[in-house]
């Protein structure tokens, strides 16, 4: 089984548990809850990244004529973010995930929301996408670190984006300075969560720059990602060292190890925004 198949099976097996146990509350979110200032409840914390992506896309000009602006969600999960953006900003959205289970859920949600004509979800690897229309914006929420080749990810993103288009990426990154003793814990994160590109923020920015993308913003959200209470984290991080190989056990092992890494300052959680240089299409006058 290659790594793409392993990631697909991991999400096929775990997605319903993520939604049920993660407190998604109908948001479709299987990403991190961000407890920023002003966030009062779990639903708002899960919606924080959706609003963040929207805030960076909304300044982009409207498409010409009656055409809708196009967003591609790279690693779309069950479509929560893409559908929120379609409904909130009136976008046409394309979501891509390796998981057929997630694609079925996302398409069902689009139909239930009455926006099936604005949203399509595909079972595909973003490393080898089928032909897609150019994008006004791309987002990748906790999917970049799955990429087999981080440099190829940014080459793909730069090729998909229209001039003036933006890429919003939210994910975990290695701290530039970390002790050798961090490596066993980081390896548990990589194995448990099937992460191939858990790299440093410095390396990530360099790879994006090499593809001609201009960094507009870097927000360190690490302080707003709440860990488990210390006794529970200690218990989980030790129990999940047991060599069980079920998909949800992998998630618990990788997730508890990641929380330890974050607490120790070995990893950070960032939201980054890049732009492809060039003039975005101007909005037509009356």
Protein backbone atom coordinates (compact mmCIF):
# COMPACT_ATOMS: atom_id res chain seq x y z
CA UNK A 1 0.00 0.00 0.00
CA UNK A 2 1.46 3.39 -0.96
CA UNK A 3 1.21 6.41 1.33
CA UNK A 4 -1.72 7.99 -0.52
CA UNK A 5 -3.73 4.79 -0.02
CA UNK A 6 -2.75 4.73 3.65
CA UNK A 7 -3.93 8.32 4.15
CA UNK A 8 -7.20 7.57 2.34
CA UNK A 9 -7.85 4.54 4.53
CA UNK A 10 -6.96 6.53 7.65
CA UNK A 11 -9.59 9.18 6.85
CA UNK A 12 -12.17 6.69 5.56
CA UNK A 13 -11.97 4.87 8.90
CA UNK A 14 -11.73 7.91 11.18
CA UNK A 15 -13.88 10.67 9.69
CA UNK A 16 -17.17 9.70 11.34
CA UNK A 17 -15.35 9.45 14.69
CA UNK A 18 -13.71 12.86 14.17
CA UNK A 19 -17.10 14.44 13.58
CA UNK A 20 -18.81 12.61 16.43
CA UNK A 21 -16.09 12.92 19.08
CA UNK A 22 -14.52 16.23 18.05
CA UNK A 23 -17.54 18.35 18.85
CA UNK A 24 -18.01 19.52 15.25
CA UNK A 25 -21.61 20.50 16.00
CA UNK A 26 -22.73 20.52 12.38
CA UNK A 27 -19.77 22.62 11.18
CA UNK A 28 -18.23 19.72 9.26
CA UNK A 29 -14.90 20.70 10.83
CA UNK A 30 -12.19 18.12 11.41
CA UNK A 31 -9.51 20.75 11.92
CA UNK A 32 -8.18 22.42 15.06
CA UNK A 33 -10.37 24.56 17.29
CA UNK A 34 -8.79 28.03 17.69
CA UNK A 35 -9.65 29.69 21.02
CA UNK A 36 -8.71 33.23 19.99
CA UNK A 37 -9.74 36.27 22.04
CA UNK A 38 -13.48 36.72 21.77
CA UNK A 39 -14.19 33.06 21.00
CA UNK A 40 -16.80 31.90 23.52
CA UNK A 41 -17.67 28.31 22.62
CA UNK A 42 -16.46 25.22 20.79
CA UNK A 43 -18.49 25.91 17.66
CA UNK A 44 -16.97 29.38 17.29
CA UNK A 45 -13.50 27.94 17.91
CA UNK A 46 -14.03 25.39 15.12
CA UNK A 47 -15.37 28.08 12.79
CA UNK A 48 -12.42 30.41 13.45
CA UNK A 49 -10.29 29.10 10.56
CA UNK A 50 -13.24 29.29 8.16
CA UNK A 51 -13.68 32.98 8.97
CA UNK A 52 -9.91 33.53 8.73
CA UNK A 53 -9.81 32.05 5.22
CA UNK A 54 -12.85 34.13 4.22
CA UNK A 55 -11.23 37.33 5.48
CA UNK A 56 -8.21 36.79 3.21
CA UNK A 57 -10.24 35.80 0.15
CA UNK A 58 -12.92 38.47 0.37
CA UNK A 59 -10.64 41.36 -0.72
CA UNK A 60 -10.08 39.63 -4.09
CA UNK A 61 -11.98 41.26 -6.98
CA UNK A 62 -15.18 39.71 -8.27
CA UNK A 63 -14.90 37.65 -11.42
CA UNK A 64 -15.90 39.18 -14.74
CA UNK A 65 -19.55 39.13 -15.74
CA UNK A 66 -21.69 36.49 -14.08
CA UNK A 67 -18.82 34.08 -13.41
CA UNK A 68 -18.25 33.26 -9.73
CA UNK A 69 -14.83 33.42 -8.16
CA UNK A 70 -13.33 29.94 -7.88
CA UNK A 71 -11.79 28.45 -4.73
CA UNK A 72 -10.04 25.08 -4.61
CA UNK A 73 -9.84 23.46 -1.17
CA UNK A 74 -6.82 21.16 -1.15
CA UNK A 75 -7.61 18.48 1.41
CA UNK A 76 -11.24 19.51 1.88
CA UNK A 77 -12.33 16.89 4.39
CA UNK A 78 -16.12 16.69 4.55
CA UNK A 79 -16.43 20.09 2.87
CA UNK A 80 -17.16 22.22 5.91
CA UNK A 81 -14.83 25.08 4.99
CA UNK A 82 -15.54 25.00 1.24
CA UNK A 83 -19.31 25.01 1.73
CA UNK A 84 -19.09 27.82 4.28
CA UNK A 85 -17.12 29.91 1.76
CA UNK A 86 -19.53 29.08 -1.07
CA UNK A 87 -22.50 30.19 1.02
CA UNK A 88 -20.86 33.17 2.72
CA UNK A 89 -18.90 34.67 -0.18
CA UNK A 90 -20.87 33.32 -3.13
CA UNK A 91 -17.90 31.35 -4.47
CA UNK A 92 -17.75 28.39 -6.79
CA UNK A 93 -15.77 25.77 -4.87
CA UNK A 94 -13.90 22.60 -5.76
CA UNK A 95 -12.87 20.33 -2.91
CA UNK A 96 -10.22 17.62 -3.23
CA UNK A 97 -9.61 14.77 -0.80
CA UNK A 98 -8.13 11.30 -0.95
CA UNK A 99 -11.06 9.88 1.02
CA UNK A 100 -14.14 8.62 -0.88
CA UNK A 101 -16.04 8.64 2.42
CA UNK A 102 -15.36 12.36 2.82
CA UNK A 103 -16.33 13.12 -0.79
CA UNK A 104 -19.69 11.39 -0.32
CA UNK A 105 -20.34 13.36 2.87
CA UNK A 106 -19.33 16.66 1.26
CA UNK A 107 -21.50 16.16 -1.81
CA UNK A 108 -24.45 15.19 0.40
CA UNK A 109 -23.96 18.37 2.45
CA UNK A 110 -23.82 20.48 -0.72
CA UNK A 111 -27.08 18.95 -1.93
CA UNK A 112 -28.75 19.41 1.47
CA UNK A 113 -27.61 23.05 1.50
CA UNK A 114 -29.02 23.70 -1.96
CA UNK A 115 -25.67 24.72 -3.45
CA UNK A 116 -24.76 21.61 -5.45
CA UNK A 117 -24.42 23.81 -8.55
CA UNK A 118 -21.69 25.84 -6.78
CA UNK A 119 -19.75 22.99 -5.21
CA UNK A 120 -18.02 19.88 -6.51
CA UNK A 121 -15.94 17.45 -4.48
CA UNK A 122 -13.45 15.06 -6.02
CA UNK A 123 -11.59 11.98 -4.84
CA UNK A 124 -8.07 12.86 -5.94
CA UNK A 125 -4.52 13.40 -4.72
CA UNK A 126 -3.56 17.07 -4.85
CA UNK A 127 -0.11 15.92 -5.94
CA UNK A 128 -1.63 14.68 -9.22
CA UNK A 129 -4.81 16.63 -9.82
CA UNK A 130 -7.13 16.17 -12.79
CA UNK A 131 -7.50 19.24 -15.03
CA UNK A 132 -9.22 22.01 -13.05
CA UNK A 133 -10.16 25.59 -13.92
CA UNK A 134 -7.70 28.21 -12.61
CA UNK A 135 -8.38 29.34 -9.06
CA UNK A 136 -8.85 32.81 -7.60
CA UNK A 137 -7.94 31.29 -4.24
CA UNK A 138 -6.65 28.08 -2.70
CA UNK A 139 -6.88 26.90 0.88
CA UNK A 140 -5.17 24.00 2.62
CA UNK A 141 -6.21 23.48 6.22
CA UNK A 142 -4.12 20.83 7.96
CA UNK A 143 -3.52 19.02 4.69
CA UNK A 144 -0.18 20.46 3.54
CA UNK A 145 1.73 18.32 6.04
CA UNK A 146 0.39 15.19 4.29
CA UNK A 147 2.07 16.21 1.02
CA UNK A 148 4.66 13.76 -0.28
CA UNK A 149 6.81 16.62 -1.60
CA UNK A 150 6.45 20.08 -0.05
CA UNK A 151 8.20 21.80 -2.95
CA UNK A 152 5.90 20.13 -5.47
CA UNK A 153 2.91 21.31 -3.42
CA UNK A 154 3.89 24.96 -3.92
CA UNK A 155 4.67 24.39 -7.60
CA UNK A 156 1.16 22.98 -8.01
CA UNK A 157 -0.37 25.89 -6.06
CA UNK A 158 1.44 28.52 -8.12
CA UNK A 159 0.32 26.83 -11.35
CA UNK A 160 -3.33 26.69 -10.25
CA UNK A 161 -3.60 30.28 -9.04
CA UNK A 162 -4.61 33.13 -11.30
CA UNK A 163 -2.36 36.23 -11.16
CA UNK A 164 -3.29 38.07 -7.97
CA UNK A 165 -4.79 34.91 -6.46
CA UNK A 166 -4.13 33.85 -2.88
CA UNK A 167 -3.16 30.68 -1.04
CA UNK A 168 -4.23 30.36 2.62
CA UNK A 169 -2.46 27.55 4.48
CA UNK A 170 -3.03 26.53 8.12
CA UNK A 171 -0.88 23.77 9.58
CA UNK A 172 1.74 22.57 12.05
CA UNK A 173 5.41 23.37 11.55
CA UNK A 174 8.66 22.40 13.23
CA UNK A 175 10.32 25.02 15.38
CA UNK A 176 13.62 26.10 13.85
CA UNK A 177 15.44 25.30 17.10
CA UNK A 178 14.59 22.04 18.87
CA UNK A 179 16.61 19.50 20.87
CA UNK A 180 17.52 16.02 19.67
CA UNK A 181 15.22 14.55 22.34
CA UNK A 182 12.24 15.97 20.43
CA UNK A 183 12.71 13.57 17.51
CA UNK A 184 11.06 10.42 18.98
CA UNK A 185 7.95 12.45 19.80
CA UNK A 186 7.94 14.04 16.34
CA UNK A 187 8.26 10.60 14.75
CA UNK A 188 5.13 9.49 16.62
CA UNK A 189 3.32 12.51 15.16
CA UNK A 190 4.48 11.68 11.64
CA UNK A 191 3.57 8.00 11.91
CA UNK A 192 0.25 8.48 13.69
CA UNK A 193 -1.07 11.25 11.45
CA UNK A 194 0.63 10.16 8.20
CA UNK A 195 2.57 13.41 7.85
CA UNK A 196 5.21 13.48 5.12
CA UNK A 197 5.94 17.24 5.14
CA UNK A 198 6.09 18.23 8.79
CA UNK A 199 8.80 20.80 8.07
CA UNK A 200 10.05 24.04 9.58
CA UNK A 201 8.31 27.31 8.90
CA UNK A 202 11.53 28.69 7.44
CA UNK A 203 11.77 25.83 4.93
CA UNK A 204 8.09 26.21 4.04
CA UNK A 205 8.46 29.92 3.32
CA UNK A 206 11.58 29.29 1.24
CA UNK A 207 9.82 26.67 -0.90
CA UNK A 208 6.88 29.00 -1.53
CA UNK A 209 9.20 31.86 -2.44
CA UNK A 210 11.03 29.63 -4.93
CA UNK A 211 7.72 29.25 -6.80
CA UNK A 212 7.28 33.01 -7.01
CA UNK A 213 4.65 33.31 -4.26
CA UNK A 214 4.73 36.46 -2.09
CA UNK A 215 4.06 36.06 1.64
CA UNK A 216 1.40 38.50 2.80
CA UNK A 217 0.78 37.35 6.35
CA UNK A 218 2.00 34.87 8.97
CA UNK A 219 -0.11 34.42 12.11
CA UNK A 220 1.21 32.19 14.89
CA UNK A 221 -1.95 30.65 16.38
CA UNK A 222 -0.13 28.25 18.70
CA UNK A 223 -1.19 30.00 21.91
CA UNK A 224 -4.86 29.60 20.96
CA UNK A 225 -4.76 25.82 20.39
CA UNK A 226 -5.89 24.30 23.69
CA UNK A 227 -4.18 21.07 24.74
CA UNK A 228 -5.76 18.34 26.81
CA UNK A 229 -5.56 18.90 30.59
CA UNK A 230 -2.08 17.93 31.79
CA UNK A 231 -3.06 14.68 33.59
CA UNK A 232 -5.06 13.45 30.58
CA UNK A 233 -2.29 14.39 28.16
CA UNK A 234 0.28 12.53 30.27
CA UNK A 235 -1.97 9.46 30.38
CA UNK A 236 -2.75 9.47 26.65
CA UNK A 237 0.80 10.15 25.53
CA UNK A 238 1.99 7.15 27.54
CA UNK A 239 -0.84 4.70 26.87
CA UNK A 240 -0.71 5.35 23.12
CA UNK A 241 2.88 4.14 23.02
CA UNK A 242 1.37 0.66 22.96
CA UNK A 243 1.91 -0.77 19.44
CA UNK A 244 -1.73 -0.98 18.36
CA UNK A 245 -2.41 -0.32 14.69
CA UNK A 246 -6.07 0.64 14.39
CA UNK A 247 -6.74 3.92 12.55
CA UNK A 248 -8.20 5.71 15.56
CA UNK A 249 -5.35 4.54 17.79
CA UNK A 250 -2.97 6.04 15.24
CA UNK A 251 -4.88 9.32 15.53
CA UNK A 252 -4.69 9.30 19.34
CA UNK A 253 -1.00 8.43 19.30
CA UNK A 254 -0.09 11.13 16.78
CA UNK A 255 -2.40 13.71 18.32
CA UNK A 256 -1.22 13.28 21.90
CA UNK A 257 2.41 13.36 20.73
CA UNK A 258 1.70 16.56 18.79
CA UNK A 259 0.22 18.17 21.88
CA UNK A 260 3.38 17.30 23.81
CA UNK A 261 5.50 18.78 20.99
CA UNK A 262 3.42 21.97 21.01
CA UNK A 263 3.64 22.29 24.78
CA UNK A 264 7.42 21.90 24.63
CA UNK A 265 7.72 24.45 21.80
CA UNK A 266 8.99 21.89 19.29
CA UNK A 267 6.10 22.59 16.90
CA UNK A 268 4.00 25.65 16.13
CA UNK A 269 0.62 26.14 14.46
CA UNK A 270 0.52 28.91 11.85
CA UNK A 271 -1.87 30.47 9.34
CA UNK A 272 -0.03 31.80 6.29
CA UNK A 273 -1.24 33.76 3.28
CA UNK A 274 0.60 34.01 -0.04
CA UNK A 275 -0.26 35.79 -3.26
CA UNK A 276 0.73 34.96 -6.81
CA UNK A 277 2.12 38.23 -8.19
CA UNK A 278 0.36 39.83 -11.11
CA UNK A 279 -2.71 41.89 -11.74
CA UNK A 280 -5.95 40.25 -10.70
CA UNK A 281 -8.82 40.73 -13.17
CA UNK A 282 -10.57 44.04 -12.62
CA UNK A 283 -14.24 44.10 -11.81
CA UNK A 284 -16.35 45.19 -14.81
CA UNK A 285 -18.12 48.48 -14.58
CA UNK A 286 -21.87 48.89 -15.09
